[in-house]
Every structure is written in C-alpha cells, then in structure tokens.
Protein backbone atom coordinates (compact mmCIF):
# COMPACT_ATOMS: atom_id res chain seq x y z
CA MET A 1 50.33 57.80 43.15
CA GLY A 2 50.55 58.42 46.92
CA TRP A 3 53.15 56.81 49.16
CA HIS A 4 50.57 54.68 50.91
CA LEU A 5 49.30 53.28 47.60
CA ARG A 6 52.90 52.53 46.54
CA LEU A 7 53.49 50.74 49.82
CA LEU A 8 50.34 48.69 49.45
CA LEU A 9 51.25 47.75 45.84
CA SER A 10 54.76 46.76 47.04
CA LEU A 11 53.32 44.54 49.78
CA LEU A 12 50.82 42.89 47.41
CA VAL A 13 53.51 42.13 44.78
CA VAL A 14 55.89 40.80 47.42
CA LEU A 15 53.17 38.49 48.80
CA ALA A 16 52.50 37.29 45.22
CA ALA A 17 56.17 36.68 44.67
CA GLU A 18 56.44 34.69 47.90
CA ALA A 19 53.67 32.40 46.65
CA THR A 20 55.51 31.61 43.39
CA THR A 21 58.71 29.69 43.74
CA THR A 22 58.84 27.73 40.49
CA LYS A 23 61.72 27.97 38.01
CA HIS A 24 59.64 29.64 35.36
CA MET A 25 60.42 32.96 33.68
CA ARG A 26 56.98 34.32 34.64
CA ASP A 27 57.95 33.80 38.36
CA PHE A 28 61.33 35.42 37.92
CA ILE A 29 59.53 38.44 36.33
CA ARG A 30 57.11 38.57 39.25
CA ALA A 31 60.09 38.66 41.61
CA VAL A 32 61.61 41.54 39.63
CA GLU A 33 58.26 43.36 39.75
CA SER A 34 58.18 43.04 43.52
CA ILE A 35 61.70 44.52 43.81
CA GLU A 36 60.72 47.37 41.44
CA ALA A 37 57.68 48.10 43.56
CA ALA A 38 59.85 48.26 46.68
CA ASN A 39 62.43 50.50 44.96
CA PRO A 40 60.43 53.02 42.86
CA GLY A 41 62.17 55.27 40.42
CA LEU A 42 65.15 53.08 39.60
CA GLN A 43 66.39 52.99 36.03
CA MET A 44 66.71 49.64 34.27
CA LEU A 45 70.48 49.68 34.49
CA ASP A 46 70.33 50.23 38.25
CA MET A 47 67.87 47.30 38.56
CA VAL A 48 70.07 44.96 36.49
CA LYS A 49 73.17 45.82 38.55
CA GLY A 50 71.21 45.66 41.78
CA VAL A 51 69.83 42.20 40.93
CA ARG A 52 73.32 41.00 40.01
CA LYS A 53 74.53 42.31 43.35
CA VAL A 54 71.77 40.48 45.19
CA ALA A 55 72.76 37.22 43.43
CA GLY A 56 76.53 37.95 43.77
CA VAL A 57 77.16 37.53 40.04
CA GLU A 58 80.61 39.12 39.69
CA THR A 59 83.74 37.67 38.19
CA ASP A 60 87.03 38.92 36.73
CA LEU A 61 85.35 38.90 33.30
CA THR A 62 82.37 41.03 34.41
CA ARG A 63 84.67 43.47 36.24
CA ARG A 64 86.84 43.80 33.15
CA TYR A 65 83.99 44.69 30.87
CA LEU A 66 81.23 46.13 33.06
CA GLY A 67 83.12 47.45 36.05
CA ASP A 68 82.66 46.23 39.59
CA LEU A 69 79.44 46.30 41.62
CA SER A 70 80.68 48.60 44.32
CA ASP A 71 78.42 51.43 43.08
CA ALA A 72 75.40 49.14 42.51
CA GLN A 73 72.21 50.07 44.29
CA THR A 74 71.49 48.03 47.37
CA LEU A 75 67.90 46.99 46.69
CA VAL A 76 65.14 46.93 49.22
CA ALA A 77 63.49 43.53 49.00
CA ASP A 78 61.83 40.85 51.05
CA PRO A 79 64.40 38.22 52.08
CA SER A 80 62.38 35.43 50.40
CA VAL A 81 62.49 37.31 47.15
CA THR A 82 66.24 37.97 47.31
CA SER A 83 66.79 34.32 48.13
CA TYR A 84 64.72 33.32 45.14
CA ILE A 85 66.52 35.75 42.86
CA SER A 86 69.92 34.43 43.97
CA GLU A 87 68.82 30.84 43.44
CA VAL A 88 67.53 31.26 39.88
CA ILE A 89 70.41 33.53 38.64
CA ASN A 90 73.42 31.73 39.93
CA HIS A 91 74.41 29.06 37.43
CA SER A 92 75.93 25.72 38.39
CA LEU A 93 76.21 22.08 37.20
CA SER A 94 76.00 19.33 39.78
CA GLN A 95 77.72 15.93 39.69
CA VAL A 96 74.30 14.28 39.40
CA GLY A 97 73.30 16.14 36.27
CA LYS A 98 71.21 19.00 37.79
CA GLU A 99 71.58 22.43 36.23
CA GLU A 100 70.79 25.43 38.44
CA GLY A 101 70.32 29.09 37.35
CA VAL A 102 67.94 28.10 34.54
CA VAL A 103 64.28 28.95 33.97
CA LEU A 104 61.65 27.62 31.63
CA THR A 105 60.02 30.14 29.26
CA ILE A 106 56.62 30.29 27.68
CA ASP A 107 58.13 29.37 24.29
CA GLY A 108 59.52 26.10 25.69
CA SER A 109 63.17 27.18 25.79
CA ASN A 110 65.37 26.94 28.82
CA VAL A 111 67.30 30.10 29.63
CA ALA A 112 70.27 30.59 31.91
CA LEU A 113 69.62 34.05 33.44
CA ALA A 114 73.23 35.12 34.18
CA PRO A 115 74.40 35.54 30.50
CA MET A 116 71.08 37.10 29.54
CA LEU A 117 71.45 39.75 32.26
CA LEU A 118 75.12 40.35 31.46
CA GLY A 119 74.32 40.97 27.81
CA LEU A 120 71.48 43.30 28.79
CA GLN A 121 73.81 45.32 31.03
CA ALA A 122 76.46 45.53 28.31
CA GLY A 123 73.84 47.02 26.01
CA LEU A 124 72.55 49.44 28.60
CA GLN A 125 76.13 50.63 29.12
CA SER A 126 76.60 50.83 25.31
CA ASN A 127 79.58 48.55 25.71
CA ILE A 128 79.04 46.65 22.48
CA LYS A 129 82.53 45.06 22.42
CA SER A 130 81.71 43.20 25.58
CA LEU A 131 78.56 41.53 24.24
CA TYR A 132 80.38 38.64 22.64
CA PRO A 133 82.65 37.60 25.57
CA LEU A 134 79.96 38.11 28.23
CA THR A 135 77.23 36.19 26.45
CA LEU A 136 78.87 33.51 24.31
CA THR A 137 82.62 33.63 23.68
CA ASP A 138 83.83 32.85 27.19
CA ASN A 139 81.37 29.99 27.71
CA LEU A 140 82.17 28.42 24.35
CA VAL A 141 85.88 28.70 25.05
CA ALA A 142 85.54 27.00 28.43
CA SER A 143 83.42 24.25 26.96
CA PHE A 144 85.66 23.62 23.91
CA LEU A 145 88.71 23.45 26.13
CA HIS A 146 87.07 21.07 28.55
CA HIS A 147 85.93 18.84 25.71
CA ALA A 148 89.40 18.77 24.15
CA HIS A 149 90.68 17.27 27.40
CA HIS A 150 87.64 15.01 28.06
CA GLU A 151 86.56 14.05 24.52
CA GLN A 152 85.26 10.61 25.51
CA SER A 153 83.07 11.80 28.37
CA SER A 154 81.70 15.19 27.20
CA ILE A 155 80.39 17.02 24.14
CA ALA A 156 81.61 20.38 22.81
CA PHE A 157 78.43 22.27 23.76
CA GLY A 158 74.70 22.16 23.91
CA THR A 159 73.69 19.53 26.47
CA LYS A 160 69.95 19.71 26.81
CA GLY A 161 67.73 18.77 29.75
CA PHE A 162 64.14 18.36 30.97
CA TRP A 163 62.00 19.63 33.81
CA ASP A 164 60.27 17.60 36.42
CA SER A 165 57.09 19.42 35.51
CA ILE A 166 56.13 21.64 32.53
CA SER A 167 53.42 23.45 34.48
CA SER A 168 55.41 23.89 37.73
CA PRO A 169 59.11 23.46 36.92
CA MET A 170 61.47 23.07 39.83
CA VAL A 171 64.25 20.62 38.90
CA TYR A 172 66.10 20.73 35.56
CA THR A 173 67.97 17.54 34.77
CA LEU A 174 70.56 17.23 31.97
CA GLU A 175 70.46 14.25 29.65
CA GLY A 176 73.18 12.81 27.53
CA SER A 177 76.89 13.68 27.61
CA PRO A 178 77.73 16.85 29.61
CA SER A 179 79.12 20.11 28.33
CA LEU A 180 80.10 23.33 30.11
CA ALA A 181 78.24 25.43 27.56
CA THR A 182 74.85 23.76 27.99
CA ASP A 183 71.86 24.49 25.77
CA ALA A 184 70.46 26.82 28.49
CA ILE A 185 73.74 28.70 28.72
CA ILE A 186 73.79 29.24 24.98
CA ILE A 187 70.09 30.26 24.77
CA GLY A 188 70.70 32.73 27.64
CA GLY A 189 73.76 34.07 25.81
CA MET A 190 71.81 34.41 22.56
CA ASP A 191 69.05 36.35 24.43
CA GLY A 192 71.62 38.52 26.16
CA PHE A 193 73.28 39.31 22.85
CA ILE A 194 69.94 40.08 21.14
CA ILE A 195 68.47 42.16 23.96
CA GLY A 196 71.78 43.92 24.61
CA SER A 197 72.18 44.81 20.98
CA GLU A 198 68.64 46.21 20.86
CA VAL A 199 68.87 48.33 24.02
CA ALA A 200 72.18 49.77 22.84
CA SER A 201 70.60 51.11 19.67
CA SER A 202 67.19 52.20 20.93
CA ASN A 203 65.26 53.78 23.77
CA ILE A 204 64.13 50.45 25.19
CA HIS A 205 66.20 51.27 28.29
CA GLU A 206 63.48 53.71 29.32
CA GLN A 207 61.25 50.78 30.14
CA SER A 208 61.31 48.94 33.44
CA LEU A 209 63.21 45.69 33.56
CA SER A 210 60.09 43.71 34.20
CA ASP A 211 58.29 45.30 31.21
CA LEU A 212 61.23 44.49 28.96
CA LEU A 213 61.34 40.88 30.12
CA LYS A 214 57.54 40.49 29.77
CA SER A 215 57.57 41.89 26.26
CA TYR A 216 60.36 39.51 25.25
CA TYR A 217 59.49 36.35 27.14
CA SER A 218 55.72 36.49 27.80
CA HIS A 219 54.26 37.05 24.35
CA GLN A 220 51.40 34.61 23.59
CA PRO A 221 50.60 34.37 19.87
CA ASP A 222 46.95 34.38 18.89
CA ALA A 223 45.35 32.09 16.34
CA THR A 224 47.57 33.51 13.60
CA GLY A 225 50.63 32.21 15.41
CA LEU A 226 53.76 34.29 14.88
CA ASN A 227 52.56 35.93 11.71
CA ALA A 228 51.41 39.12 13.43
CA SER A 229 53.68 38.95 16.47
CA PRO A 230 56.22 41.62 17.40
CA ARG A 231 59.78 41.13 16.13
CA LEU A 232 61.55 41.26 19.49
CA ILE A 233 60.21 38.13 21.22
CA SER A 234 61.87 34.95 22.31
CA GLN A 235 60.01 32.93 19.68
CA ASN A 236 62.04 34.87 17.05
CA ARG A 237 65.30 34.19 18.83
CA ARG A 238 67.07 32.32 16.03
CA LYS A 239 66.01 34.76 13.36
CA ASN A 240 67.07 37.80 15.32
CA PHE A 241 70.35 36.18 16.34
CA LYS A 242 71.29 35.39 12.74
CA GLN A 243 70.60 39.01 11.77
CA LEU A 244 72.63 40.52 14.58
CA VAL A 245 75.63 38.26 15.22
CA SER A 246 78.87 38.14 13.21
CA PHE A 247 79.78 34.49 13.21
CA SER A 248 83.27 35.27 11.77
CA LEU A 249 83.91 37.71 14.62
CA LEU A 250 82.60 35.29 17.22
CA LYS A 251 84.84 32.47 15.93
CA SER A 252 87.85 34.75 15.76
CA GLN A 253 87.33 35.71 19.39
CA VAL A 254 87.04 32.06 20.39
CA VAL A 255 90.26 31.20 18.49
CA GLN A 256 92.05 34.21 19.90
CA ALA A 257 91.07 33.36 23.43
CA LEU A 258 92.30 29.78 23.02
CA THR A 259 95.65 30.73 21.43
CA VAL A 260 96.73 32.38 24.68
CA ARG A 261 96.27 29.11 26.59
CA ARG A 262 99.62 27.84 27.70
CA ASN A 263 101.06 24.44 28.54
CA LEU A 264 99.82 22.83 25.34
CA ASN A 265 102.19 20.82 23.12
CA GLU A 266 101.76 20.64 19.39
CA SER A 267 99.62 17.49 19.53
CA GLU A 268 97.32 19.05 22.12
CA ARG A 269 97.17 22.25 20.16
CA GLN A 270 96.12 20.36 16.98
CA LYS A 271 93.49 18.49 18.92
CA LEU A 272 92.12 21.75 20.36
CA ASP A 273 92.04 23.29 16.88
CA ASP A 274 90.03 20.32 15.56
CA VAL A 275 87.59 20.59 18.49
CA VAL A 276 87.11 24.30 17.89
CA ASN A 277 86.60 24.03 14.14
CA ARG A 278 84.18 21.08 14.37
CA GLY A 279 82.46 22.53 17.45
CA PHE A 280 81.98 26.02 16.00
CA ASP A 281 80.53 24.65 12.74
CA LYS A 282 78.11 22.56 14.68
CA PHE A 283 77.22 25.52 16.90
CA VAL A 284 76.17 27.50 13.84
CA HIS A 285 74.34 24.45 12.49
CA VAL A 286 72.30 23.92 15.68
CA TYR A 287 71.53 27.48 16.64
CA ALA A 288 71.44 29.34 13.32
CA THR A 289 70.60 26.74 10.61
CA CYS A 290 68.20 24.43 12.39
CA PRO A 291 64.80 25.36 13.78
CA SER A 292 64.10 25.24 17.48
CA ILE A 293 63.60 21.52 18.13
CA ILE A 294 61.77 20.48 21.34
CA THR A 295 63.10 17.04 22.37
CA ARG A 296 60.97 14.15 23.50
CA SER A 297 61.88 14.61 27.13
CA GLN A 298 61.12 18.31 26.99
CA TRP A 299 57.49 17.78 25.81
CA GLY A 300 57.02 14.83 28.15
CA ALA A 301 57.02 11.84 25.77
CA ALA A 302 56.28 8.32 27.08
CA ALA A 303 58.84 5.60 26.36
CA TYR A 304 59.05 3.82 23.04
CA ILE A 305 57.35 0.40 23.33
CA GLY A 306 59.76 -2.31 22.33
CA SER A 307 62.96 -1.68 20.31
CA PRO A 308 63.03 0.81 17.38
CA SER A 309 64.28 0.15 13.87
CA TYR A 310 66.74 2.60 12.42
CA LEU A 311 66.56 4.64 9.27
CA PRO A 312 69.32 4.45 6.61
CA TYR A 313 71.34 7.62 5.95
CA PRO A 314 70.86 9.79 4.10
CA VAL A 315 67.04 9.49 4.04
CA GLU A 316 65.84 10.12 0.47
CA HIS A 317 62.10 10.81 0.92
CA LEU A 318 60.00 13.27 2.93
CA PHE A 319 56.22 12.99 3.50
CA ILE A 320 54.05 15.91 4.63
CA HIS A 321 51.04 15.22 6.93
CA HIS A 322 48.47 17.12 8.96
CA THR A 323 46.79 15.93 12.16
CA TYR A 324 43.19 16.73 11.09
CA SER A 325 42.45 16.22 14.76
CA PRO A 326 43.41 18.27 16.64
CA SER A 327 42.01 20.59 14.00
CA GLN A 328 43.39 23.81 15.42
CA PRO A 329 47.08 24.75 15.37
CA CYS A 330 48.82 25.04 18.75
CA THR A 331 50.35 28.48 19.39
CA THR A 332 52.07 27.99 22.72
CA PHE A 333 54.56 25.45 24.08
CA ASP A 334 52.12 24.21 26.73
CA GLN A 335 49.39 23.62 24.15
CA CYS A 336 51.75 21.95 21.66
CA ALA A 337 53.28 19.71 24.32
CA SER A 338 49.77 18.66 25.39
CA ASP A 339 48.87 17.92 21.79
CA MET A 340 52.01 15.83 21.36
CA GLN A 341 51.23 13.84 24.53
CA SER A 342 47.64 13.25 23.32
CA MET A 343 48.78 12.14 19.86
CA GLN A 344 51.34 9.76 21.36
CA TYR A 345 48.78 8.27 23.71
CA TYR A 346 46.33 7.69 20.88
CA HIS A 347 48.98 6.21 18.57
CA GLN A 348 50.27 3.86 21.25
CA ASN A 349 47.02 2.90 23.01
CA SER A 350 44.39 3.11 20.24
CA ASN A 351 46.46 2.31 17.16
CA GLY A 352 48.73 -0.11 18.96
CA TRP A 353 51.89 1.48 17.58
CA ALA A 354 55.21 1.48 19.37
CA ASP A 355 55.27 5.32 19.51
CA ILE A 356 53.98 8.50 18.03
CA GLY A 357 53.97 7.94 14.30
CA TYR A 358 55.70 11.03 12.98
CA ASN A 359 59.40 11.77 13.01
CA PHE A 360 58.75 15.46 13.67
CA VAL A 361 55.69 17.63 14.28
CA ALA A 362 55.41 21.38 13.43
CA GLY A 363 53.62 23.71 15.85
CA ALA A 364 52.43 27.28 15.14
CA ASP A 365 54.46 28.39 18.19
CA GLY A 366 57.80 28.46 16.33
CA ASN A 367 58.94 25.04 17.46
CA LEU A 368 59.47 21.69 15.78
CA TYR A 369 58.66 18.81 18.06
CA GLU A 370 60.65 15.61 18.06
CA GLY A 371 58.54 12.52 17.52
CA ARG A 372 60.57 9.49 16.55
CA GLY A 373 63.29 11.89 15.59
CA TRP A 374 66.21 11.61 13.19
CA ASP A 375 67.07 7.94 13.70
CA TRP A 376 63.97 5.84 14.23
CA VAL A 377 61.64 4.44 11.60
CA GLY A 378 58.22 6.05 11.95
CA ALA A 379 54.63 4.88 11.40
CA HIS A 380 53.32 7.63 9.19
CA THR A 381 53.16 6.41 5.58
CA TYR A 382 52.40 2.76 4.89
CA GLY A 383 55.07 1.14 2.69
CA TYR A 384 57.55 3.99 3.02
CA ASN A 385 58.25 4.33 6.71
CA SER A 386 61.61 2.65 6.51
CA ILE A 387 62.93 5.03 3.79
CA SER A 388 61.37 8.42 4.69
CA TYR A 389 60.83 11.10 7.25
CA GLY A 390 57.26 12.01 8.15
CA ILE A 391 56.65 15.64 9.12
CA CYS A 392 53.25 16.55 10.43
CA TYR A 393 51.57 19.95 10.93
CA ILE A 394 49.26 20.24 13.93
CA GLY A 395 45.85 21.27 12.62
CA ASP A 396 43.33 20.61 9.79
CA TYR A 397 44.53 22.12 6.54
CA THR A 398 41.73 21.04 4.27
CA SER A 399 40.68 24.62 3.54
CA VAL A 400 43.33 26.77 5.15
CA LEU A 401 47.11 26.86 5.21
CA PRO A 402 49.46 26.64 8.19
CA ILE A 403 50.82 30.00 9.20
CA ALA A 404 53.69 31.31 7.11
CA SER A 405 56.35 30.85 9.82
CA ALA A 406 55.34 27.19 10.24
CA ILE A 407 55.44 26.61 6.51
CA ASN A 408 58.91 28.14 6.26
CA MET A 409 60.14 26.24 9.30
CA VAL A 410 59.56 22.98 7.51
CA ARG A 411 60.11 24.04 3.90
CA TYR A 412 63.42 25.81 4.56
CA ASP A 413 64.75 25.45 8.08
CA PHE A 414 64.08 21.74 8.68
CA THR A 415 65.31 20.65 5.25
CA SER A 416 68.44 22.82 5.43
CA CYS A 417 69.13 21.45 8.87
CA ALA A 418 68.64 17.87 7.83
CA ILE A 419 70.69 18.16 4.63
CA ASN A 420 73.50 19.98 6.44
CA SER A 421 73.75 17.24 9.11
CA GLY A 422 73.67 14.43 6.53
CA ASP A 423 70.34 13.04 7.72
CA LEU A 424 68.40 14.00 4.58
CA ALA A 425 69.74 13.54 1.07
CA SER A 426 70.33 16.77 -0.90
CA TYR A 427 68.40 15.16 -3.73
CA TYR A 428 65.42 14.13 -1.53
CA ASN A 429 61.90 13.72 -2.91
CA LEU A 430 58.96 15.48 -1.26
CA TYR A 431 55.41 14.03 -1.20
CA GLY A 432 52.07 14.46 0.41
CA HIS A 433 50.72 11.56 2.45
CA ARG A 434 47.81 11.02 -0.02
CA GLN A 435 50.23 10.13 -2.76
CA ALA A 436 51.00 6.85 -0.94
CA GLU A 437 47.69 6.01 0.71
CA SER A 438 43.98 6.54 0.29
CA THR A 439 43.65 9.58 2.49
CA GLU A 440 42.84 13.28 2.36
CA CYS A 441 46.01 14.02 4.36
CA PRO A 442 47.69 16.52 4.35
CA GLY A 443 44.49 18.41 3.44
CA ASN A 444 43.60 19.86 0.11
CA THR A 445 44.96 23.34 0.71
CA LEU A 446 48.25 22.18 2.17
CA TYR A 447 48.66 19.61 -0.56
CA ARG A 448 48.33 22.27 -3.21
CA GLU A 449 50.83 24.36 -1.36
CA ILE A 450 53.57 21.72 -1.16
CA GLN A 451 53.38 21.10 -4.86
CA ASN A 452 55.14 24.47 -5.18
CA TRP A 453 57.94 23.44 -2.82
CA GLU A 454 61.42 22.47 -3.87
CA HIS A 455 61.81 18.70 -4.44
CA TRP A 456 58.07 17.94 -4.68
CA ASN A 457 57.69 14.94 -6.96
CA SER A 458 54.55 13.66 -8.61
CA TYR A 459 56.10 10.25 -9.10
CA LEU A 460 56.24 7.88 -6.13
CA PRO A 461 58.68 5.01 -6.38
C-alpha cells in the first residue's frame, strides 16, 4: 500500500473515531484502529504500552511487574482520539456513584479497560507471575481491606451498575452498596487474565491490537448461538476463566498481601480474615459457579407495580417454560434485552401483572436475565408461584431444543449457583409448566428433554 493510501486510510479512520464517543467497546476498538492507522508497523506490545502512556496508566505496581513506560512509543494520534482513549481507560469511582474507565460490550458485560490491558501486556511480555496481581489480586486486596473497615457501608466486591442507554452508553451508574473491586473491575481483570494467558502461550501477539479485541469482544453468534462459536470470545469468559485460573494460588496471594498490612490488632486481624474467607468464597461463587446474570437495571426493566411478595428459602420447586412468542432465540445482548422489555410490557400492560412473570429468563447469548429474581414471587405457574422458581427459555421449543450452552446454563450452572447460595433446596423438584396447567409449555421437544434432567419429578404436589 502506498504512503498516500495509508494517509487517506488514517484520516478516514480518525474522522470515524471522532464521530463515535460512546462508552462502548466497539468505539474503543475504532479509536485503537485510528491510532494503528496513524502508526503503521507497530507490534501489539508497542501499541498496548503506547496506549497506556497516552492514558497515563502507570503505578508502582505496574512498574514493579511491567517496567516503566519511559521506553514506550509516543503514538501519533488526533487529540480528540487521545482524549477519548484517556477517558475510557482511566478508572475512577465518584462520590455520586459514577464509575469511569468502563465500557459496555456486545455480550452485555461491563469491562474496566485498565486491568484488561495490564493483563494483556503481562502476557505479551511472558510475565506470567504478574498476571494475578495486575488483573485481580491487588484489586481484591484493596476492596477486602476497605470492606473490613467499612463493613456497614460497603460490600466486599462486585458492585454492579447500569448505563443511561444500551444503544449509546455514556454514563455508568453504580447501584447498591459500593465496593472498590466493582463488577466491571473484576470482569476486566478476568479478561486480562484470560487474554494474557492466551497470548503468552501462542502466536496471537502477531495480530494487531484492534484485531485481537475484535475477535474477543465483537463476536456475534448466529442462529445456533454459542454452539459453533470460537473458544476465545467474551461470551465464554467464565468457562475460560475457570479453566485457566488457580483459585488456590489467587487466594494465597490475597492472604499473603494482606498479612503484610501493619497497624492491625488481633481483633482487626480476625475481622479481616473473616472478610477475606467469606469474600473469596463468594467471589468464586459469583464468577465461577454462577452463570452470567444480567440484572433488571442492565436490561432496562420497568419498575415493579405495587409491592412484591417474597419467596421462602430454600425454594423447593423449579418450573421450566418457553416463551413461544418470541419464537426465535435471542443471540445477542441487545436482542435479548429488547425481548425482555417486550415481555415485561406485555405482562404488565396486557396481562395486568405486577411485573414480568418469570424469575429468570435464558437467552442463547450466554446470559441469564433477571426477571423477578431470587426473592420475589413470580407469575409463571398458577398455584405454585409462591413456592417455586420459574425459568423461561426465549424461543419456541415445540419441535427443536434450545442450544446446548443454554440448556447447560440452566441445567447445571443456574441450579449449582442457586443451591450453593441457599436459594434453591438441594432436594428441589423439577417440572415442566404443562404439569401444572393446561398448556403446551415448555414445548414438546424441550419437555421431553427436561425429563432426563436431574431432579425431574413426574409427581406434582
């Protein structure tokens, strides 16, 4: 390619990047592409270090494990692009509950870019021992320590949030009690650990940074959902993380980092130990045992009408449903969120119900969507709502099955998650909707399938 064509391409990409300022991963990738076009021939490692330099992401921790940025390439880039890069990479939490340095991805997850990039650089430098502290350990330590001192006003980790717009995200607002290791920080750390581990053991580093990010974050499943998708994509985050991480090593590093903390008396030390043990067990539960659960605020739910009734714990019965309409499974977060909003609108405005009827809804995009959730009585199975969970698959399963990953998400991941948390009894009974009402739900094919699942019961009390 001639120099004049490269210059034209660079200008076109820069103009495109200037027009996209939302906090979405696709826009971050476009900004990276514009920098790559203006700096041809740079290796991925040079790009990562150069982008970090643009954003000023350098701490004692990064210098200890990755070296300083004095030798990082000074990237040629349009000022508007460098300003955007700096804004979306630098992480911060405001006093009014806003979290910066986070982007929304196509799979519906929220990713803090800094730990993801640090993990990637550690892998590119084959510095495997730094993967844990740069991506997860240090953030968990800080959050556990903060929680130990502010137990009444914080949580150990994992505060989630929601965007002002799913289609054009700009402002990410946290909800619930705060934590220093927010959900976005942990998701970014998991991605940094996964991608860093992969590039350290393969020739992925020969790609451009934008191509790597596109292959990981921009995969759109077809009608078969995740069944035929590549392994290294964000939708497979939890599965890949469980395969790559050593939880015993991660916990030992957290404990070791906290033991060197000074100025703690015996009572404070015991309290910190309790926070770490409980917190780490819950961390494994949320990010390795449970499926990816999209909260009501994340998919844009309307408010519950009236006051909810609460389920007794542990719940002893589980009913499986299908939507019938929409008849097709949703394979992307945007599509699934839209289906959830449509279902809720129909249930509230046509059926006259207080809310969407199901406790949870399974998409073919790898996510489980929170309906009424763990606590609230649903409106899914007449006569059994107050003693059961209702889980619904989006799609018509009269003559076909949900994709394998969606089946496994409910059959194994959801039930393990629910039992482990004490929400679902270990001796629960599983039923199809038709066993309680005169209906074809959950479809002939899916009903035959669930009769092979653990805990299916032909007898309905």
